[in-house]
Structures are given as structure tokens and as C-alpha cells.
Amino acid sequence: SRVLGISYILTQMNENRNVHSLPITFANGLFVIEEICGSGAMGIVYLGYRTTDSRKVAVKVLNDSTFVNEGERQLANKRLADEAKAASRINHPNLIPVYTAGYDKNIGSYIVFDFVVGTPLREQLRDQKALPWATIRVSLAPAMLSALSAIHAQGIVHRDIKPENILLDENKMWRLADFGLATFSGRQAQTAEGICVGTPGYVAPERLRSEECSNSPAVDVYAA
């Protein structure tokens, strides 16, 4: 099936989601969003285009209906800002390009990504049970290790490497997505004290044992 390779793998939206009336123009007329693509835990993703050249884009905004208080909303805004900073900091063929990010009165905080269509690794594993060893050795592993090397060189730790966040695009290029849980060297992670974010089965043991919840690049390598 066709899914967007953006900041996270999309899920089917529920009818009670808090969404915007479309179409919407934002960022001083530079972008227009036209339709809803899907949603994640805290965000809604729209399909749109850049008005200067009609290039398709994916736009992630916060889903206000999921926040129970202002504290949660502020934390989500901070994570979205960090995600934008992390994703836009690096130009790498195995990452999803970010065009811009900011705040607009019509949609709130947003990130604009390149529109990439592909198949998540998780979906491929459901179909095939396991990838051929040659695909892993020659294609998938080198691509992911190259992407991780690039983000780690910039002081970024992804913290959520898993099949749902890896996809194969239409040009057979592996892409690493979703910097929503990324953290930066020298900065406290945006999580509650004593809580280690990540996905069970892919969280490094040292993150679970450490009182400070280790955020070294090694935790990404373990998950990969």
C-alpha cells in the first residue's frame, strides 16, 4: 500500500479527530494544504503543495484534541520544534528532507516535509516474515548505518529506530523517518523525569537500567 514517508508512519484517522477545514493557505501564502493523510499519537498530517512550483509536500501539525492540559500542549510544541530542528539539520539521501517549520495562526505549529511515497519496513516484514539476507547486507543495513552516522555526527540521537520508522521509497531508497523523540547532545530530553521513551523490543538495555536514561548514539545502533 502507498503511505507517506514523513515524520512517522501514518495510521487511519478516527472520525472524531480535531481537523481543520480545507483547503488552508499558510506560511505567508507559500504552502497550501488540501487533504488529510492520517495521524499519529500527537499530530495530524496533511497533503499539500508549495505555491511557487506546485511541488507536493507533507505537513505535520499538532492534534489539539489529544492534549488534556496546557502542560501537555507545551511539551508537544517543544517536541515538534526539536523534531524540525533535528530533521532539517542534515541533508542525507536516507532521510526525509524538511523544507521549513514554524507557527501559523491558521494551523498552529507545523513542519513541512518533502512528499515521499514508500512502503514501511514493518509492512514488508508482515508480507515476507523476513527480508532476504542479501537485501539487508547490501541495501538496508548500509543505508541505515549511513543515516545514523550522519545524525550522530551532528549530535542527534534518534531514540526510536524501529521498522515502522524505516521505509523503502519508490526509487528503492531506504529512508529513516520520525525524529519526534530525537534528542541533542548537551540538552535534556523532553520527557518526564524517570521515563525512557522508545518502543519495547528496540530500547537498549542501558537505557532501561540507567537512572539518567542513557541517550548516547549507541542506543540507536543497538536498535538498528
C-alpha atoms as a PDB file:
ATOM      1  CA  SER A   1       0.000   0.000   0.000  1.00  0.00           C
ATOM      2  CA  ARG A   2       1.066   3.620  -0.523  1.00  0.00           C
ATOM      3  CA  VAL A   3       1.957   5.593   2.574  1.00  0.00           C
ATOM      4  CA  LEU A   4       3.700   8.851   3.212  1.00  0.00           C
ATOM      5  CA  GLY A   5       7.311   8.708   4.288  1.00  0.00           C
ATOM      6  CA  ILE A   6       7.186  11.627   6.638  1.00  0.00           C
ATOM      7  CA  SER A   7       7.972  12.121  10.309  1.00  0.00           C
ATOM      8  CA  TYR A   8       6.105   8.992  11.322  1.00  0.00           C
ATOM      9  CA  ILE A   9       4.189   6.170   9.682  1.00  0.00           C
ATOM     10  CA  LEU A  10       0.573   7.166   9.301  1.00  0.00           C
ATOM     11  CA  THR A  11      -2.421   5.409  10.810  1.00  0.00           C
ATOM     12  CA  GLN A  12      -6.034   5.620   9.749  1.00  0.00           C
ATOM     13  CA  MET A  13      -7.714   8.659  11.266  1.00  0.00           C
ATOM     14  CA  ASN A  14     -10.716   8.332  13.569  1.00  0.00           C
ATOM     15  CA  GLU A  15     -13.836  10.319  12.724  1.00  0.00           C
ATOM     16  CA  ASN A  16     -13.592  12.323  15.952  1.00  0.00           C
ATOM     17  CA  ARG A  17     -10.178  13.826  15.180  1.00  0.00           C
ATOM     18  CA  ASN A  18      -9.902  17.582  15.558  1.00  0.00           C
ATOM     19  CA  VAL A  19      -9.055  18.610  11.994  1.00  0.00           C
ATOM     20  CA  HIS A  20      -9.043  21.848  10.015  1.00  0.00           C
ATOM     21  CA  SER A  21     -11.419  22.915   7.248  1.00  0.00           C
ATOM     22  CA  LEU A  22      -9.627  22.571   3.922  1.00  0.00           C
ATOM     23  CA  PRO A  23      -8.024  23.960   1.860  1.00  0.00           C
ATOM     24  CA  ILE A  24      -5.815  26.187   4.022  1.00  0.00           C
ATOM     25  CA  THR A  25      -3.065  28.558   2.925  1.00  0.00           C
ATOM     26  CA  PHE A  26      -0.261  29.209   5.431  1.00  0.00           C
ATOM     27  CA  ALA A  27       3.318  30.457   5.826  1.00  0.00           C
ATOM     28  CA  ASN A  28       2.539  33.768   4.121  1.00  0.00           C
ATOM     29  CA  GLY A  29       0.958  32.035   1.157  1.00  0.00           C
ATOM     30  CA  LEU A  30       3.915  29.747   0.455  1.00  0.00           C
ATOM     31  CA  PHE A  31       2.056  26.474   1.101  1.00  0.00           C
ATOM     32  CA  VAL A  32      -1.493  25.140   0.737  1.00  0.00           C
ATOM     33  CA  ILE A  33      -2.835  22.002   2.438  1.00  0.00           C
ATOM     34  CA  GLU A  34      -5.610  20.219   0.572  1.00  0.00           C
ATOM     35  CA  GLU A  35      -6.425  16.885   2.206  1.00  0.00           C
ATOM     36  CA  ILE A  36      -5.896  14.801   5.333  1.00  0.00           C
ATOM     37  CA  CYS A  37      -3.436  11.927   5.062  1.00  0.00           C
ATOM     38  CA  GLY A  38      -3.555  10.468   8.570  1.00  0.00           C
ATOM     39  CA  SER A  39      -2.485  10.935  12.148  1.00  0.00           C
ATOM     40  CA  GLY A  40      -0.124   9.772  14.853  1.00  0.00           C
ATOM     41  CA  ALA A  41      -0.183   9.991  18.637  1.00  0.00           C
ATOM     42  CA  MET A  42       0.012  13.785  18.766  1.00  0.00           C
ATOM     43  CA  GLY A  43      -0.016  15.037  15.183  1.00  0.00           C
ATOM     44  CA  ILE A  44      -2.145  15.259  12.057  1.00  0.00           C
ATOM     45  CA  VAL A  45      -0.548  15.026   8.627  1.00  0.00           C
ATOM     46  CA  TYR A  46      -1.888  16.766   5.554  1.00  0.00           C
ATOM     47  CA  LEU A  47      -1.023  16.605   1.875  1.00  0.00           C
ATOM     48  CA  GLY A  48      -0.425  19.929   0.199  1.00  0.00           C
ATOM     49  CA  TYR A  49       1.764  21.789  -2.253  1.00  0.00           C
ATOM     50  CA  ARG A  50       4.234  24.667  -2.462  1.00  0.00           C
ATOM     51  CA  THR A  51       2.673  27.561  -4.331  1.00  0.00           C
ATOM     52  CA  THR A  52       5.880  28.649  -6.064  1.00  0.00           C
ATOM     53  CA  ASP A  53       6.294  25.432  -8.057  1.00  0.00           C
ATOM     54  CA  SER A  54       3.305  23.171  -7.158  1.00  0.00           C
ATOM     55  CA  ARG A  55       5.660  20.645  -5.541  1.00  0.00           C
ATOM     56  CA  LYS A  56       3.822  18.195  -3.283  1.00  0.00           C
ATOM     57  CA  VAL A  57       4.575  18.426   0.428  1.00  0.00           C
ATOM     58  CA  ALA A  58       3.500  16.698   3.635  1.00  0.00           C
ATOM     59  CA  VAL A  59       2.587  18.987   6.532  1.00  0.00           C
ATOM     60  CA  LYS A  60       2.573  17.804  10.150  1.00  0.00           C
ATOM     61  CA  VAL A  61       0.628  19.822  12.729  1.00  0.00           C
ATOM     62  CA  LEU A  62      -0.338  19.163  16.335  1.00  0.00           C
ATOM     63  CA  ASN A  63      -3.638  17.450  17.089  1.00  0.00           C
ATOM     64  CA  ASP A  64      -5.165  19.598  19.835  1.00  0.00           C
ATOM     65  CA  SER A  65      -7.833  17.015  20.681  1.00  0.00           C
ATOM     66  CA  THR A  66      -5.245  14.673  22.239  1.00  0.00           C
ATOM     67  CA  PHE A  67      -3.968  17.070  24.934  1.00  0.00           C
ATOM     68  CA  VAL A  68      -5.607  17.014  28.357  1.00  0.00           C
ATOM     69  CA  ASN A  69      -3.896  20.139  29.709  1.00  0.00           C
ATOM     70  CA  GLU A  70      -1.695  23.074  28.726  1.00  0.00           C
ATOM     71  CA  GLY A  71       1.428  21.321  30.007  1.00  0.00           C
ATOM     72  CA  GLU A  72       0.964  18.507  27.511  1.00  0.00           C
ATOM     73  CA  ARG A  73       0.393  21.027  24.743  1.00  0.00           C
ATOM     74  CA  GLN A  74       3.585  22.933  25.572  1.00  0.00           C
ATOM     75  CA  LEU A  75       5.601  19.704  25.688  1.00  0.00           C
ATOM     76  CA  ALA A  76       4.195  18.667  22.308  1.00  0.00           C
ATOM     77  CA  ASN A  77       5.120  22.042  20.807  1.00  0.00           C
ATOM     78  CA  LYS A  78       8.656  21.687  22.155  1.00  0.00           C
ATOM     79  CA  ARG A  79       8.971  18.187  20.715  1.00  0.00           C
ATOM     80  CA  LEU A  80       7.682  19.362  17.351  1.00  0.00           C
ATOM     81  CA  ALA A  81      10.240  22.175  17.339  1.00  0.00           C
ATOM     82  CA  ASP A  82      13.012  19.726  18.244  1.00  0.00           C
ATOM     83  CA  GLU A  83      11.842  17.325  15.549  1.00  0.00           C
ATOM     84  CA  ALA A  84      12.002  20.089  12.962  1.00  0.00           C
ATOM     85  CA  LYS A  85      15.440  21.182  14.124  1.00  0.00           C
ATOM     86  CA  ALA A  86      16.791  17.629  14.087  1.00  0.00           C
ATOM     87  CA  ALA A  87      15.340  16.696  10.699  1.00  0.00           C
ATOM     88  CA  SER A  88      16.369  19.943   8.997  1.00  0.00           C
ATOM     89  CA  ARG A  89      19.897  19.895  10.385  1.00  0.00           C
ATOM     90  CA  ILE A  90      21.112  17.215   7.981  1.00  0.00           C
ATOM     91  CA  ASN A  91      20.934  16.709   4.219  1.00  0.00           C
ATOM     92  CA  HIS A  92      21.240  12.974   3.625  1.00  0.00           C
ATOM     93  CA  PRO A  93      19.758  10.697   0.934  1.00  0.00           C
ATOM     94  CA  ASN A  94      18.426   8.250   3.546  1.00  0.00           C
ATOM     95  CA  LEU A  95      16.487  10.884   5.495  1.00  0.00           C
ATOM     96  CA  ILE A  96      13.269  12.774   4.702  1.00  0.00           C
ATOM     97  CA  PRO A  97      14.036  16.399   3.707  1.00  0.00           C
ATOM     98  CA  VAL A  98      12.414  19.193   5.733  1.00  0.00           C
ATOM     99  CA  TYR A  99      11.570  22.429   3.918  1.00  0.00           C
ATOM    100  CA  THR A 100      10.541  24.640   6.801  1.00  0.00           C
ATOM    101  CA  ALA A 101       8.842  24.774  10.197  1.00  0.00           C
ATOM    102  CA  GLY A 102       7.149  27.412  12.285  1.00  0.00           C
ATOM    103  CA  TYR A 103       3.841  28.704  13.584  1.00  0.00           C
ATOM    104  CA  ASP A 104       0.854  29.995  11.617  1.00  0.00           C
ATOM    105  CA  LYS A 105      -2.408  31.300  13.044  1.00  0.00           C
ATOM    106  CA  ASN A 106      -4.391  29.112  10.644  1.00  0.00           C
ATOM    107  CA  ILE A 107      -2.895  25.753  11.627  1.00  0.00           C
ATOM    108  CA  GLY A 108      -0.659  26.334  14.679  1.00  0.00           C
ATOM    109  CA  SER A 109       2.823  24.789  14.889  1.00  0.00           C
ATOM    110  CA  TYR A 110       3.851  22.887  11.766  1.00  0.00           C
ATOM    111  CA  ILE A 111       6.629  21.088   9.887  1.00  0.00           C
ATOM    112  CA  VAL A 112       6.718  20.893   6.089  1.00  0.00           C
ATOM    113  CA  PHE A 113       8.384  17.774   4.687  1.00  0.00           C
ATOM    114  CA  ASP A 114       9.140  16.561   1.223  1.00  0.00           C
ATOM    115  CA  PHE A 115       6.376  14.264  -0.020  1.00  0.00           C
ATOM    116  CA  VAL A 116       7.834  10.757  -0.206  1.00  0.00           C
ATOM    117  CA  VAL A 117       5.781   7.692  -1.077  1.00  0.00           C
ATOM    118  CA  GLY A 118       7.017   4.311   0.051  1.00  0.00           C
ATOM    119  CA  THR A 119       6.399   1.104   1.953  1.00  0.00           C
ATOM    120  CA  PRO A 120       7.281   0.808   5.667  1.00  0.00           C
ATOM    121  CA  LEU A 121       9.697  -1.934   6.629  1.00  0.00           C
ATOM    122  CA  ARG A 122       7.094  -3.211   9.117  1.00  0.00           C
ATOM    123  CA  GLU A 123       4.650  -3.825   6.281  1.00  0.00           C
ATOM    124  CA  GLN A 124       7.288  -5.656   4.273  1.00  0.00           C
ATOM    125  CA  LEU A 125       8.071  -7.871   7.253  1.00  0.00           C
ATOM    126  CA  ARG A 126       4.384  -8.754   7.606  1.00  0.00           C
ATOM    127  CA  ASP A 127       4.305  -9.807   3.964  1.00  0.00           C
ATOM    128  CA  GLN A 128       7.660 -11.604   3.838  1.00  0.00           C
ATOM    129  CA  LYS A 129       8.277 -12.516   7.513  1.00  0.00           C
ATOM    130  CA  ALA A 130      11.964 -11.704   6.939  1.00  0.00           C
ATOM    131  CA  LEU A 131      13.950  -9.792   4.354  1.00  0.00           C
ATOM    132  CA  PRO A 132      16.476 -11.673   2.220  1.00  0.00           C
ATOM    133  CA  TRP A 133      19.920 -11.550   3.792  1.00  0.00           C
ATOM    134  CA  ALA A 134      21.339 -10.013   0.613  1.00  0.00           C
ATOM    135  CA  THR A 135      18.856  -7.098   0.900  1.00  0.00           C
ATOM    136  CA  ILE A 136      19.884  -6.460   4.496  1.00  0.00           C
ATOM    137  CA  ARG A 137      23.617  -6.711   3.844  1.00  0.00           C
ATOM    138  CA  VAL A 138      23.801  -4.790   0.571  1.00  0.00           C
ATOM    139  CA  SER A 139      20.954  -2.286   0.907  1.00  0.00           C
ATOM    140  CA  LEU A 140      19.135  -1.825   4.225  1.00  0.00           C
ATOM    141  CA  ALA A 141      21.986  -2.039   6.743  1.00  0.00           C
ATOM    142  CA  PRO A 142      24.405   0.277   4.884  1.00  0.00           C
ATOM    143  CA  ALA A 143      21.634   2.837   4.339  1.00  0.00           C
ATOM    144  CA  MET A 144      20.551   2.939   7.982  1.00  0.00           C
ATOM    145  CA  LEU A 145      24.095   2.968   9.359  1.00  0.00           C
ATOM    146  CA  SER A 146      24.985   5.792   6.975  1.00  0.00           C
ATOM    147  CA  ALA A 147      21.945   7.801   8.107  1.00  0.00           C
ATOM    148  CA  LEU A 148      22.754   7.174  11.778  1.00  0.00           C
ATOM    149  CA  SER A 149      26.375   8.161  11.257  1.00  0.00           C
ATOM    150  CA  ALA A 150      25.217  11.454   9.740  1.00  0.00           C
ATOM    151  CA  ILE A 151      22.779  12.349  12.530  1.00  0.00           C
ATOM    152  CA  HIS A 152      25.192  11.292  15.280  1.00  0.00           C
ATOM    153  CA  ALA A 153      27.893  13.481  13.755  1.00  0.00           C
ATOM    154  CA  GLN A 154      25.507  16.410  14.317  1.00  0.00           C
ATOM    155  CA  GLY A 155      24.949  15.491  17.963  1.00  0.00           C
ATOM    156  CA  ILE A 156      21.484  13.993  17.383  1.00  0.00           C
ATOM    157  CA  VAL A 157      20.204  10.723  18.849  1.00  0.00           C
ATOM    158  CA  HIS A 158      17.063   9.387  17.159  1.00  0.00           C
ATOM    159  CA  ARG A 159      15.854   7.183  20.073  1.00  0.00           C
ATOM    160  CA  ASP A 160      13.104   5.433  18.094  1.00  0.00           C
ATOM    161  CA  ILE A 161      14.713   3.200  15.468  1.00  0.00           C
ATOM    162  CA  LYS A 162      12.162   0.525  14.509  1.00  0.00           C
ATOM    163  CA  PRO A 163      10.608  -0.985  11.352  1.00  0.00           C
ATOM    164  CA  GLU A 164       7.676   1.445  11.463  1.00  0.00           C
ATOM    165  CA  ASN A 165      10.104   4.368  11.033  1.00  0.00           C
ATOM    166  CA  ILE A 166      12.031   2.903   8.090  1.00  0.00           C
ATOM    167  CA  LEU A 167      10.587   2.832   4.596  1.00  0.00           C
ATOM    168  CA  LEU A 168      11.560   1.948   1.065  1.00  0.00           C
ATOM    169  CA  ASP A 169      10.604   4.704  -1.361  1.00  0.00           C
ATOM    170  CA  GLU A 170       9.530   4.406  -4.991  1.00  0.00           C
ATOM    171  CA  ASN A 171      13.169   4.711  -6.108  1.00  0.00           C
ATOM    172  CA  LYS A 172      14.166   1.751  -3.887  1.00  0.00           C
ATOM    173  CA  MET A 173      15.922   4.090  -1.465  1.00  0.00           C
ATOM    174  CA  TRP A 174      15.690   3.279   2.259  1.00  0.00           C
ATOM    175  CA  ARG A 175      14.614   6.260   4.377  1.00  0.00           C
ATOM    176  CA  LEU A 176      14.766   6.821   8.139  1.00  0.00           C
ATOM    177  CA  ALA A 177      11.816   8.856   9.412  1.00  0.00           C
ATOM    178  CA  ASP A 178      10.267  10.232  12.627  1.00  0.00           C
ATOM    179  CA  PHE A 179      12.518  12.484  14.688  1.00  0.00           C
ATOM    180  CA  GLY A 180       9.712  13.107  17.169  1.00  0.00           C
ATOM    181  CA  LEU A 181      11.671  11.523  20.041  1.00  0.00           C
ATOM    182  CA  ALA A 182      15.102  12.786  18.982  1.00  0.00           C
ATOM    183  CA  THR A 183      17.354  14.474  21.500  1.00  0.00           C
ATOM    184  CA  PHE A 184      20.501  16.561  21.224  1.00  0.00           C
ATOM    185  CA  SER A 185      23.871  16.353  22.898  1.00  0.00           C
ATOM    186  CA  GLY A 186      24.050  18.701  25.873  1.00  0.00           C
ATOM    187  CA  ARG A 187      20.291  19.151  26.104  1.00  0.00           C
ATOM    188  CA  GLN A 188      17.860  17.490  28.453  1.00  0.00           C
ATOM    189  CA  ALA A 189      15.415  15.245  26.607  1.00  0.00           C
ATOM    190  CA  GLN A 190      11.797  16.388  26.509  1.00  0.00           C
ATOM    191  CA  THR A 191      10.404  13.571  28.651  1.00  0.00           C
ATOM    192  CA  ALA A 192       9.102  13.263  32.167  1.00  0.00           C
ATOM    193  CA  GLU A 193      11.656  12.524  34.855  1.00  0.00           C
ATOM    194  CA  GLY A 194      12.380   8.816  35.145  1.00  0.00           C
ATOM    195  CA  ILE A 195      10.623   7.970  31.875  1.00  0.00           C
ATOM    196  CA  CYS A 196      12.530   6.382  28.986  1.00  0.00           C
ATOM    197  CA  VAL A 197      10.834   6.898  25.647  1.00  0.00           C
ATOM    198  CA  GLY A 198      11.029   4.408  22.832  1.00  0.00           C
ATOM    199  CA  THR A 199       9.431   1.188  21.654  1.00  0.00           C
ATOM    200  CA  PRO A 200       9.710  -2.056  23.701  1.00  0.00           C
ATOM    201  CA  GLY A 201      11.877  -4.526  21.847  1.00  0.00           C
ATOM    202  CA  TYR A 202      14.101  -1.798  20.416  1.00  0.00           C
ATOM    203  CA  VAL A 203      15.154   0.072  23.576  1.00  0.00           C
ATOM    204  CA  ALA A 204      18.768  -0.578  24.563  1.00  0.00           C
ATOM    205  CA  PRO A 205      19.213  -2.267  27.972  1.00  0.00           C
ATOM    206  CA  GLU A 206      21.390   0.543  29.298  1.00  0.00           C
ATOM    207  CA  ARG A 207      18.530   2.999  28.767  1.00  0.00           C
ATOM    208  CA  LEU A 208      16.286   0.904  30.979  1.00  0.00           C
ATOM    209  CA  ARG A 209      18.902   0.378  33.690  1.00  0.00           C
ATOM    210  CA  SER A 210      20.332   3.874  33.873  1.00  0.00           C
ATOM    211  CA  GLU A 211      18.720   6.354  36.232  1.00  0.00           C
ATOM    212  CA  GLU A 212      19.543   9.056  33.724  1.00  0.00           C
ATOM    213  CA  CYS A 213      18.138   7.003  30.815  1.00  0.00           C
ATOM    214  CA  SER A 214      21.173   6.904  28.511  1.00  0.00           C
ATOM    215  CA  ASN A 215      20.822   8.903  25.301  1.00  0.00           C
ATOM    216  CA  SER A 216      24.153   8.061  23.685  1.00  0.00           C
ATOM    217  CA  PRO A 217      24.382   7.232  19.966  1.00  0.00           C
ATOM    218  CA  ALA A 218      24.927   3.605  20.963  1.00  0.00           C
ATOM    219  CA  VAL A 219      21.218   3.230  21.744  1.00  0.00           C
ATOM    220  CA  ASP A 220      20.408   3.878  18.065  1.00  0.00           C
ATOM    221  CA  VAL A 221      22.978   1.364  16.906  1.00  0.00           C
ATOM    222  CA  TYR A 222      21.509  -1.237  19.269  1.00  0.00           C
ATOM    223  CA  ALA A 223      18.003  -0.694  17.866  1.00  0.00           C
ATOM    224  CA  ALA A 224      19.232  -0.857  14.280  1.00  0.00           C
END
